Amino acid sequence: MPPVTMPPPSLPAEPVIDLGDFRERLLRHPIYAAIDGPDRLRRFMESHVFAVWDFQSLLKAMQQRLTCTTVPWLPTPDPEARRLVNEIVLDEESDALPEGGSASHFELYLDAMRQAGADSGPIERLLATLGAGTPLPRALAGCGGPPEAIEFVRRSFAVIESGSTAGIVAAFTHGREDVIPDMFRRVVVRLAAQEPESWNRFRFYLERHIDHDDDHHAPACRRILARLCGRDSRLWAEASRAAQECLAARLALWDGITGAVAR
């Protein structure tokens, strides 16, 4: 895919993204009260891991559009956006581990699932099937993942396949892991203190991911989006639609997980 041509950077005074009441509804969602113990947290992980995985695909779609990933290499129009995206990719694809070495945040999450005793079979089947060349829709249908997680992935890839660079960046910026508040971390910290051999990895994942998002990724993504949309009201409207669709998909995922853990 050729690099996207970006307009000259022209930053509005304030970001023009309409999130409606989606973010408030996410922060007040009953899922945070429902995930109140180890069994329910494991069930949460078994669905949420699919969102951790497709996050990486959304990131790669953003990288393809804002940097050059083809040969022969050509410089892209906005060097600052290029650098910001590549820094995020570095963190997300190959973060430093506490014991040395590196791993993607998805691999770290998968390792945390295994340590906690959560069922990683469906997501591993999905990866194996995709690795064998199966198209994504068929791989999703056959992996045995939770229905709410499969639907979330389908909706994420609809954004990726939309062809809208503003939509992809907005979905990544406003609709992803920054909507996981510290409430999850409180549950995990308590469990990690009680059973460190089961929950320390998940605690490290949450703290690492939240720290990255708060300190660097979220501000960087907002700047990329502002540079991309400039003063173009059409692009801002496109970005707002995508952000709202992504947050609506997250609400549906949270609803599905809450219903599943309560059974």
C-alpha atoms as a PDB file:
ATOM      1  CA  MET A   1       0.000   0.000   0.000  1.00  0.00           C
ATOM      2  CA  PRO A   2       1.503   3.391  -0.967  1.00  0.00           C
ATOM      3  CA  PRO A   3       1.980   5.888   1.873  1.00  0.00           C
ATOM      4  CA  VAL A   4      -0.925   8.256   2.404  1.00  0.00           C
ATOM      5  CA  THR A   5      -0.481  11.833   1.240  1.00  0.00           C
ATOM      6  CA  MET A   6      -1.049  14.112   4.214  1.00  0.00           C
ATOM      7  CA  PRO A   7      -2.092  17.740   3.979  1.00  0.00           C
ATOM      8  CA  PRO A   8       0.336  20.326   5.320  1.00  0.00           C
ATOM      9  CA  PRO A   9       0.111  20.326   9.132  1.00  0.00           C
ATOM     10  CA  SER A  10      -2.471  22.884  10.274  1.00  0.00           C
ATOM     11  CA  LEU A  11      -3.444  22.339  13.884  1.00  0.00           C
ATOM     12  CA  PRO A  12      -6.822  23.462  15.215  1.00  0.00           C
ATOM     13  CA  ALA A  13      -6.924  25.178  18.569  1.00  0.00           C
ATOM     14  CA  GLU A  14      -8.744  22.171  20.079  1.00  0.00           C
ATOM     15  CA  PRO A  15      -9.270  18.625  18.787  1.00  0.00           C
ATOM     16  CA  VAL A  16     -12.614  18.388  17.010  1.00  0.00           C
ATOM     17  CA  ILE A  17     -13.654  14.871  18.025  1.00  0.00           C
ATOM     18  CA  ASP A  18     -17.199  14.180  19.159  1.00  0.00           C
ATOM     19  CA  LEU A  19     -17.256  11.111  21.425  1.00  0.00           C
ATOM     20  CA  GLY A  20     -20.843  11.663  22.535  1.00  0.00           C
ATOM     21  CA  ASP A  21     -21.460  10.005  25.889  1.00  0.00           C
ATOM     22  CA  PHE A  22     -19.618   6.810  24.946  1.00  0.00           C
ATOM     23  CA  ARG A  23     -16.581   7.383  27.112  1.00  0.00           C
ATOM     24  CA  GLU A  24     -18.666   8.237  30.156  1.00  0.00           C
ATOM     25  CA  ARG A  25     -20.768   5.106  29.622  1.00  0.00           C
ATOM     26  CA  LEU A  26     -17.599   3.013  29.396  1.00  0.00           C
ATOM     27  CA  LEU A  27     -16.178   4.441  32.607  1.00  0.00           C
ATOM     28  CA  ARG A  28     -19.472   3.787  34.429  1.00  0.00           C
ATOM     29  CA  HIS A  29     -19.960   0.306  32.994  1.00  0.00           C
ATOM     30  CA  PRO A  30     -20.952  -2.486  35.436  1.00  0.00           C
ATOM     31  CA  ILE A  31     -18.124  -4.682  34.169  1.00  0.00           C
ATOM     32  CA  TYR A  32     -15.725  -3.149  36.711  1.00  0.00           C
ATOM     33  CA  ALA A  33     -17.885  -4.287  39.628  1.00  0.00           C
ATOM     34  CA  ALA A  34     -18.554  -7.663  37.998  1.00  0.00           C
ATOM     35  CA  ILE A  35     -14.846  -8.564  37.657  1.00  0.00           C
ATOM     36  CA  ASP A  36     -14.484  -9.145  41.384  1.00  0.00           C
ATOM     37  CA  GLY A  37     -12.426 -12.315  41.705  1.00  0.00           C
ATOM     38  CA  PRO A  38      -9.962 -14.644  39.993  1.00  0.00           C
ATOM     39  CA  ASP A  39     -12.477 -16.799  38.088  1.00  0.00           C
ATOM     40  CA  ARG A  40     -14.241 -13.796  36.606  1.00  0.00           C
ATOM     41  CA  LEU A  41     -10.957 -12.102  35.805  1.00  0.00           C
ATOM     42  CA  ARG A  42      -9.825 -15.208  33.912  1.00  0.00           C
ATOM     43  CA  ARG A  43     -13.100 -15.149  31.948  1.00  0.00           C
ATOM     44  CA  PHE A  44     -12.507 -11.486  31.192  1.00  0.00           C
ATOM     45  CA  MET A  45      -9.012 -12.230  29.880  1.00  0.00           C
ATOM     46  CA  GLU A  46     -10.317 -14.982  27.576  1.00  0.00           C
ATOM     47  CA  SER A  47     -12.449 -12.412  25.727  1.00  0.00           C
ATOM     48  CA  HIS A  48     -10.290  -9.332  26.116  1.00  0.00           C
ATOM     49  CA  VAL A  49      -7.217 -11.007  24.619  1.00  0.00           C
ATOM     50  CA  PHE A  50      -8.892 -10.732  21.193  1.00  0.00           C
ATOM     51  CA  ALA A  51      -9.028  -6.936  21.618  1.00  0.00           C
ATOM     52  CA  VAL A  52      -5.361  -6.942  22.644  1.00  0.00           C
ATOM     53  CA  TRP A  53      -4.548  -8.867  19.465  1.00  0.00           C
ATOM     54  CA  ASP A  54      -6.540  -6.755  16.994  1.00  0.00           C
ATOM     55  CA  PHE A  55      -5.076  -3.618  18.584  1.00  0.00           C
ATOM     56  CA  GLN A  56      -1.787  -4.678  16.964  1.00  0.00           C
ATOM     57  CA  SER A  57      -3.472  -4.931  13.561  1.00  0.00           C
ATOM     58  CA  LEU A  58      -4.988  -1.465  13.954  1.00  0.00           C
ATOM     59  CA  LEU A  59      -1.521  -0.161  14.823  1.00  0.00           C
ATOM     60  CA  LYS A  60       0.032  -1.802  11.760  1.00  0.00           C
ATOM     61  CA  ALA A  61      -2.682  -0.296   9.562  1.00  0.00           C
ATOM     62  CA  MET A  62      -1.765   3.125  10.956  1.00  0.00           C
ATOM     63  CA  GLN A  63       1.927   2.454  10.367  1.00  0.00           C
ATOM     64  CA  GLN A  64       1.283   1.410   6.754  1.00  0.00           C
ATOM     65  CA  ARG A  65      -0.547   4.661   6.061  1.00  0.00           C
ATOM     66  CA  LEU A  66       1.743   7.111   7.840  1.00  0.00           C
ATOM     67  CA  THR A  67       5.178   5.570   7.200  1.00  0.00           C
ATOM     68  CA  CYS A  68       6.754   3.757   4.296  1.00  0.00           C
ATOM     69  CA  THR A  69       6.645  -0.041   4.715  1.00  0.00           C
ATOM     70  CA  THR A  70       7.325  -0.915   1.070  1.00  0.00           C
ATOM     71  CA  VAL A  71      10.420  -1.380  -1.070  1.00  0.00           C
ATOM     72  CA  PRO A  72      11.801   0.772  -2.620  1.00  0.00           C
ATOM     73  CA  TRP A  73      11.518   3.111   0.349  1.00  0.00           C
ATOM     74  CA  LEU A  74      10.156   6.610  -0.183  1.00  0.00           C
ATOM     75  CA  PRO A  75       9.994   9.418   2.388  1.00  0.00           C
ATOM     76  CA  THR A  76       6.482  10.122   3.639  1.00  0.00           C
ATOM     77  CA  PRO A  77       5.108  13.688   3.817  1.00  0.00           C
ATOM     78  CA  ASP A  78       5.055  14.143   7.596  1.00  0.00           C
ATOM     79  CA  PRO A  79       8.313  13.156   9.363  1.00  0.00           C
ATOM     80  CA  GLU A  80       6.934  13.893  12.830  1.00  0.00           C
ATOM     81  CA  ALA A  81       3.936  11.589  12.357  1.00  0.00           C
ATOM     82  CA  ARG A  82       6.319   8.962  10.974  1.00  0.00           C
ATOM     83  CA  ARG A  83       8.503   9.138  14.062  1.00  0.00           C
ATOM     84  CA  LEU A  84       5.584   9.091  16.523  1.00  0.00           C
ATOM     85  CA  VAL A  85       4.011   6.036  14.879  1.00  0.00           C
ATOM     86  CA  ASN A  86       7.298   4.137  14.749  1.00  0.00           C
ATOM     87  CA  GLU A  87       7.947   4.882  18.434  1.00  0.00           C
ATOM     88  CA  ILE A  88       4.535   3.430  19.327  1.00  0.00           C
ATOM     89  CA  VAL A  89       5.235   0.359  17.187  1.00  0.00           C
ATOM     90  CA  LEU A  90       8.546  -0.153  18.976  1.00  0.00           C
ATOM     91  CA  ASP A  91       6.832  -0.099  22.376  1.00  0.00           C
ATOM     92  CA  GLU A  92       3.884  -2.272  21.371  1.00  0.00           C
ATOM     93  CA  GLU A  93       5.736  -4.870  19.279  1.00  0.00           C
ATOM     94  CA  SER A  94       8.929  -5.275  21.292  1.00  0.00           C
ATOM     95  CA  ASP A  95       8.710  -3.804  24.777  1.00  0.00           C
ATOM     96  CA  ALA A  96      11.391  -4.537  27.364  1.00  0.00           C
ATOM     97  CA  LEU A  97      10.616  -7.322  29.841  1.00  0.00           C
ATOM     98  CA  PRO A  98      11.583  -7.078  33.527  1.00  0.00           C
ATOM     99  CA  GLU A  99      13.716 -10.226  33.325  1.00  0.00           C
ATOM    100  CA  GLY A 100      15.424  -9.095  30.133  1.00  0.00           C
ATOM    101  CA  GLY A 101      14.547  -9.659  26.511  1.00  0.00           C
ATOM    102  CA  SER A 102      11.531  -8.208  24.741  1.00  0.00           C
ATOM    103  CA  ALA A 103       8.012  -9.102  23.651  1.00  0.00           C
ATOM    104  CA  SER A 104       4.957  -7.498  22.172  1.00  0.00           C
ATOM    105  CA  HIS A 105       2.226  -6.439  24.564  1.00  0.00           C
ATOM    106  CA  PHE A 106       0.048  -9.151  23.029  1.00  0.00           C
ATOM    107  CA  GLU A 107       2.637 -11.819  23.804  1.00  0.00           C
ATOM    108  CA  LEU A 108       2.962 -10.424  27.320  1.00  0.00           C
ATOM    109  CA  TYR A 109      -0.814 -10.661  27.748  1.00  0.00           C
ATOM    110  CA  LEU A 110      -0.847 -14.232  26.438  1.00  0.00           C
ATOM    111  CA  ASP A 111       1.883 -15.149  28.898  1.00  0.00           C
ATOM    112  CA  ALA A 112      -0.159 -13.547  31.701  1.00  0.00           C
ATOM    113  CA  MET A 113      -3.168 -15.657  30.694  1.00  0.00           C
ATOM    114  CA  ARG A 114      -1.143 -18.855  30.905  1.00  0.00           C
ATOM    115  CA  GLN A 115       0.267 -17.871  34.289  1.00  0.00           C
ATOM    116  CA  ALA A 116      -3.238 -17.123  35.602  1.00  0.00           C
ATOM    117  CA  GLY A 117      -4.756 -20.339  34.236  1.00  0.00           C
ATOM    118  CA  ALA A 118      -7.034 -18.651  31.678  1.00  0.00           C
ATOM    119  CA  ASP A 119      -7.937 -20.560  28.514  1.00  0.00           C
ATOM    120  CA  SER A 120      -5.736 -19.289  25.678  1.00  0.00           C
ATOM    121  CA  GLY A 121      -6.834 -22.041  23.268  1.00  0.00           C
ATOM    122  CA  PRO A 122      -9.212 -19.968  21.081  1.00  0.00           C
ATOM    123  CA  ILE A 123      -6.803 -17.078  20.467  1.00  0.00           C
ATOM    124  CA  GLU A 124      -3.941 -19.505  19.807  1.00  0.00           C
ATOM    125  CA  ARG A 125      -6.117 -21.414  17.322  1.00  0.00           C
ATOM    126  CA  LEU A 126      -6.927 -18.143  15.588  1.00  0.00           C
ATOM    127  CA  LEU A 127      -3.221 -17.303  15.203  1.00  0.00           C
ATOM    128  CA  ALA A 128      -2.346 -20.807  14.002  1.00  0.00           C
ATOM    129  CA  THR A 129      -5.152 -20.786  11.436  1.00  0.00           C
ATOM    130  CA  LEU A 130      -4.221 -17.338  10.162  1.00  0.00           C
ATOM    131  CA  GLY A 131      -0.580 -18.439   9.980  1.00  0.00           C
ATOM    132  CA  ALA A 132      -1.636 -21.314   7.745  1.00  0.00           C
ATOM    133  CA  GLY A 133      -3.185 -18.868   5.297  1.00  0.00           C
ATOM    134  CA  THR A 134      -6.853 -19.053   6.261  1.00  0.00           C
ATOM    135  CA  PRO A 135      -8.762 -15.804   5.582  1.00  0.00           C
ATOM    136  CA  LEU A 136      -9.686 -13.883   8.717  1.00  0.00           C
ATOM    137  CA  PRO A 137     -13.497 -14.383   8.546  1.00  0.00           C
ATOM    138  CA  ARG A 138     -13.125 -18.169   8.343  1.00  0.00           C
ATOM    139  CA  ALA A 139     -10.404 -18.226  10.996  1.00  0.00           C
ATOM    140  CA  LEU A 140     -12.590 -16.223  13.362  1.00  0.00           C
ATOM    141  CA  ALA A 141     -15.588 -18.477  12.755  1.00  0.00           C
ATOM    142  CA  GLY A 142     -13.585 -21.614  13.501  1.00  0.00           C
ATOM    143  CA  CYS A 143     -11.437 -20.618  16.499  1.00  0.00           C
ATOM    144  CA  GLY A 144     -14.057 -21.128  19.190  1.00  0.00           C
ATOM    145  CA  GLY A 145     -13.616 -17.680  20.709  1.00  0.00           C
ATOM    146  CA  PRO A 146     -16.292 -15.974  22.809  1.00  0.00           C
ATOM    147  CA  PRO A 147     -19.025 -14.502  20.553  1.00  0.00           C
ATOM    148  CA  GLU A 148     -18.607 -10.988  21.952  1.00  0.00           C
ATOM    149  CA  ALA A 149     -14.865 -11.087  21.216  1.00  0.00           C
ATOM    150  CA  ILE A 150     -15.333 -12.365  17.660  1.00  0.00           C
ATOM    151  CA  GLU A 151     -17.823  -9.588  16.913  1.00  0.00           C
ATOM    152  CA  PHE A 152     -15.432  -6.997  18.350  1.00  0.00           C
ATOM    153  CA  VAL A 153     -12.638  -8.157  16.031  1.00  0.00           C
ATOM    154  CA  ARG A 154     -14.982  -8.034  13.033  1.00  0.00           C
ATOM    155  CA  ARG A 155     -15.895  -4.455  13.830  1.00  0.00           C
ATOM    156  CA  SER A 156     -12.244  -3.489  14.311  1.00  0.00           C
ATOM    157  CA  PHE A 157     -11.321  -4.872  10.914  1.00  0.00           C
ATOM    158  CA  ALA A 158     -14.224  -2.993   9.333  1.00  0.00           C
ATOM    159  CA  VAL A 159     -12.438   0.186  10.430  1.00  0.00           C
ATOM    160  CA  ILE A 160      -9.106  -1.107   9.113  1.00  0.00           C
ATOM    161  CA  GLU A 161     -10.673  -1.985   5.748  1.00  0.00           C
ATOM    162  CA  SER A 162     -12.634   1.267   5.477  1.00  0.00           C
ATOM    163  CA  GLY A 163      -9.809   3.032   3.654  1.00  0.00           C
ATOM    164  CA  SER A 164     -10.040   6.043   5.970  1.00  0.00           C
ATOM    165  CA  THR A 165      -6.703   7.085   7.441  1.00  0.00           C
ATOM    166  CA  ALA A 166      -8.428   9.605   9.717  1.00  0.00           C
ATOM    167  CA  GLY A 167     -10.813   6.860  10.850  1.00  0.00           C
ATOM    168  CA  ILE A 168      -8.016   4.405  11.611  1.00  0.00           C
ATOM    169  CA  VAL A 169      -6.010   6.968  13.597  1.00  0.00           C
ATOM    170  CA  ALA A 170      -9.127   8.122  15.489  1.00  0.00           C
ATOM    171  CA  ALA A 171     -10.130   4.555  16.330  1.00  0.00           C
ATOM    172  CA  PHE A 172      -6.639   3.850  17.613  1.00  0.00           C
ATOM    173  CA  THR A 173      -6.456   7.124  19.543  1.00  0.00           C
ATOM    174  CA  HIS A 174      -9.850   7.241  21.211  1.00  0.00           C
ATOM    175  CA  GLY A 175     -11.162   3.714  21.148  1.00  0.00           C
ATOM    176  CA  ARG A 176      -8.477   1.417  22.442  1.00  0.00           C
ATOM    177  CA  GLU A 177      -6.640   0.586  25.622  1.00  0.00           C
ATOM    178  CA  ASP A 178      -6.879   4.080  27.086  1.00  0.00           C
ATOM    179  CA  VAL A 179     -10.494   3.209  27.988  1.00  0.00           C
ATOM    180  CA  ILE A 180      -9.317   0.600  30.502  1.00  0.00           C
ATOM    181  CA  PRO A 181      -9.251   2.569  33.761  1.00  0.00           C
ATOM    182  CA  ASP A 182      -7.238   1.933  36.877  1.00  0.00           C
ATOM    183  CA  MET A 183     -10.156  -0.048  38.312  1.00  0.00           C
ATOM    184  CA  PHE A 184      -8.836  -3.202  36.648  1.00  0.00           C
ATOM    185  CA  ARG A 185      -5.410  -2.528  38.045  1.00  0.00           C
ATOM    186  CA  ARG A 186      -6.834  -2.390  41.584  1.00  0.00           C
ATOM    187  CA  VAL A 187      -8.302  -5.868  41.235  1.00  0.00           C
ATOM    188  CA  VAL A 188      -5.088  -7.260  39.794  1.00  0.00           C
ATOM    189  CA  VAL A 189      -2.870  -5.604  42.415  1.00  0.00           C
ATOM    190  CA  ARG A 190      -4.936  -7.241  45.154  1.00  0.00           C
ATOM    191  CA  LEU A 191      -4.757 -10.643  43.476  1.00  0.00           C
ATOM    192  CA  ALA A 192      -1.034 -10.273  42.767  1.00  0.00           C
ATOM    193  CA  ALA A 193      -0.423  -9.589  46.454  1.00  0.00           C
ATOM    194  CA  GLN A 194      -2.379 -12.721  47.402  1.00  0.00           C
ATOM    195  CA  GLU A 195      -1.187 -15.031  44.610  1.00  0.00           C
ATOM    196  CA  PRO A 196       1.918 -13.557  42.960  1.00  0.00           C
ATOM    197  CA  GLU A 197       2.676 -16.796  41.117  1.00  0.00           C
ATOM    198  CA  SER A 198      -0.635 -16.437  39.228  1.00  0.00           C
ATOM    199  CA  TRP A 199      -1.129 -12.704  38.709  1.00  0.00           C
ATOM    200  CA  ASN A 200       2.205 -10.858  38.685  1.00  0.00           C
ATOM    201  CA  ARG A 201       2.469 -11.046  34.905  1.00  0.00           C
ATOM    202  CA  PHE A 202      -0.947  -9.555  34.355  1.00  0.00           C
ATOM    203  CA  ARG A 203      -0.176  -6.810  36.854  1.00  0.00           C
ATOM    204  CA  PHE A 204       3.011  -5.988  34.946  1.00  0.00           C
ATOM    205  CA  TYR A 205       1.084  -5.937  31.643  1.00  0.00           C
ATOM    206  CA  LEU A 206      -1.547  -3.519  32.969  1.00  0.00           C
ATOM    207  CA  GLU A 207       0.934  -1.189  34.598  1.00  0.00           C
ATOM    208  CA  ARG A 208       3.227  -1.159  31.584  1.00  0.00           C
ATOM    209  CA  HIS A 209       0.409  -0.586  29.140  1.00  0.00           C
ATOM    210  CA  ILE A 210      -1.339   2.112  31.163  1.00  0.00           C
ATOM    211  CA  ASP A 211       1.951   3.921  31.765  1.00  0.00           C
ATOM    212  CA  HIS A 212       2.790   3.889  28.052  1.00  0.00           C
ATOM    213  CA  ASP A 213      -0.651   5.186  27.097  1.00  0.00           C
ATOM    214  CA  ASP A 214      -0.830   7.926  29.730  1.00  0.00           C
ATOM    215  CA  ASP A 215       2.710   9.224  29.278  1.00  0.00           C
ATOM    216  CA  HIS A 216       3.317   8.884  25.569  1.00  0.00           C
ATOM    217  CA  HIS A 217       0.978   6.994  23.246  1.00  0.00           C
ATOM    218  CA  ALA A 218      -2.256   8.907  23.819  1.00  0.00           C
ATOM    219  CA  PRO A 219      -0.656  12.382  23.502  1.00  0.00           C
ATOM    220  CA  ALA A 220       1.326  11.247  20.445  1.00  0.00           C
ATOM    221  CA  CYS A 221      -1.786   9.859  18.750  1.00  0.00           C
ATOM    222  CA  ARG A 222      -3.796  12.997  19.423  1.00  0.00           C
ATOM    223  CA  ARG A 223      -1.017  15.024  17.805  1.00  0.00           C
ATOM    224  CA  ILE A 224      -0.915  12.721  14.776  1.00  0.00           C
ATOM    225  CA  LEU A 225      -4.683  13.052  14.368  1.00  0.00           C
ATOM    226  CA  ALA A 226      -4.522  16.841  14.658  1.00  0.00           C
ATOM    227  CA  ARG A 227      -1.757  17.008  12.044  1.00  0.00           C
ATOM    228  CA  LEU A 228      -3.677  14.702   9.727  1.00  0.00           C
ATOM    229  CA  CYS A 229      -7.061  16.456   9.936  1.00  0.00           C
ATOM    230  CA  GLY A 230      -5.791  20.032  10.261  1.00  0.00           C
ATOM    231  CA  ARG A 231      -8.741  22.367   9.648  1.00  0.00           C
ATOM    232  CA  ASP A 232     -10.590  19.981   7.355  1.00  0.00           C
ATOM    233  CA  SER A 233     -14.083  19.571   8.835  1.00  0.00           C
ATOM    234  CA  ARG A 234     -14.763  16.569   6.583  1.00  0.00           C
ATOM    235  CA  LEU A 235     -11.784  14.689   8.010  1.00  0.00           C
ATOM    236  CA  TRP A 236     -12.736  15.583  11.586  1.00  0.00           C
ATOM    237  CA  ALA A 237     -16.274  14.290  10.969  1.00  0.00           C
ATOM    238  CA  GLU A 238     -14.810  11.076   9.521  1.00  0.00           C
ATOM    239  CA  ALA A 239     -12.581  10.710  12.562  1.00  0.00           C
ATOM    240  CA  SER A 240     -15.474  11.339  14.974  1.00  0.00           C
ATOM    241  CA  ARG A 241     -17.619   8.656  13.328  1.00  0.00           C
ATOM    242  CA  ALA A 242     -14.833   6.095  13.538  1.00  0.00           C
ATOM    243  CA  ALA A 243     -14.076   6.923  17.182  1.00  0.00           C
ATOM    244  CA  GLN A 244     -17.740   6.590  18.124  1.00  0.00           C
ATOM    245  CA  GLU A 245     -18.054   3.290  16.245  1.00  0.00           C
ATOM    246  CA  CYS A 246     -14.991   1.945  18.046  1.00  0.00           C
ATOM    247  CA  LEU A 247     -16.291   2.998  21.454  1.00  0.00           C
ATOM    248  CA  ALA A 248     -19.703   1.503  20.662  1.00  0.00           C
ATOM    249  CA  ALA A 249     -17.947  -1.765  19.802  1.00  0.00           C
ATOM    250  CA  ARG A 250     -16.102  -1.622  23.142  1.00  0.00           C
ATOM    251  CA  LEU A 251     -19.406  -1.101  24.973  1.00  0.00           C
ATOM    252  CA  ALA A 252     -20.847  -4.143  23.220  1.00  0.00           C
ATOM    253  CA  LEU A 253     -17.755  -6.159  24.203  1.00  0.00           C
ATOM    254  CA  TRP A 254     -18.067  -5.024  27.829  1.00  0.00           C
ATOM    255  CA  ASP A 255     -21.804  -5.928  27.797  1.00  0.00           C
ATOM    256  CA  GLY A 256     -21.029  -9.379  26.433  1.00  0.00           C
ATOM    257  CA  ILE A 257     -18.253 -10.084  28.951  1.00  0.00           C
ATOM    258  CA  THR A 258     -20.378  -8.841  31.851  1.00  0.00           C
ATOM    259  CA  GLY A 259     -23.199 -11.174  30.862  1.00  0.00           C
ATOM    260  CA  ALA A 260     -20.794 -14.095  30.442  1.00  0.00           C
ATOM    261  CA  VAL A 261     -19.054 -13.728  33.804  1.00  0.00           C
ATOM    262  CA  ALA A 262     -22.374 -13.342  35.635  1.00  0.00           C
ATOM    263  CA  ARG A 263     -23.671 -16.711  34.416  1.00  0.00           C
END
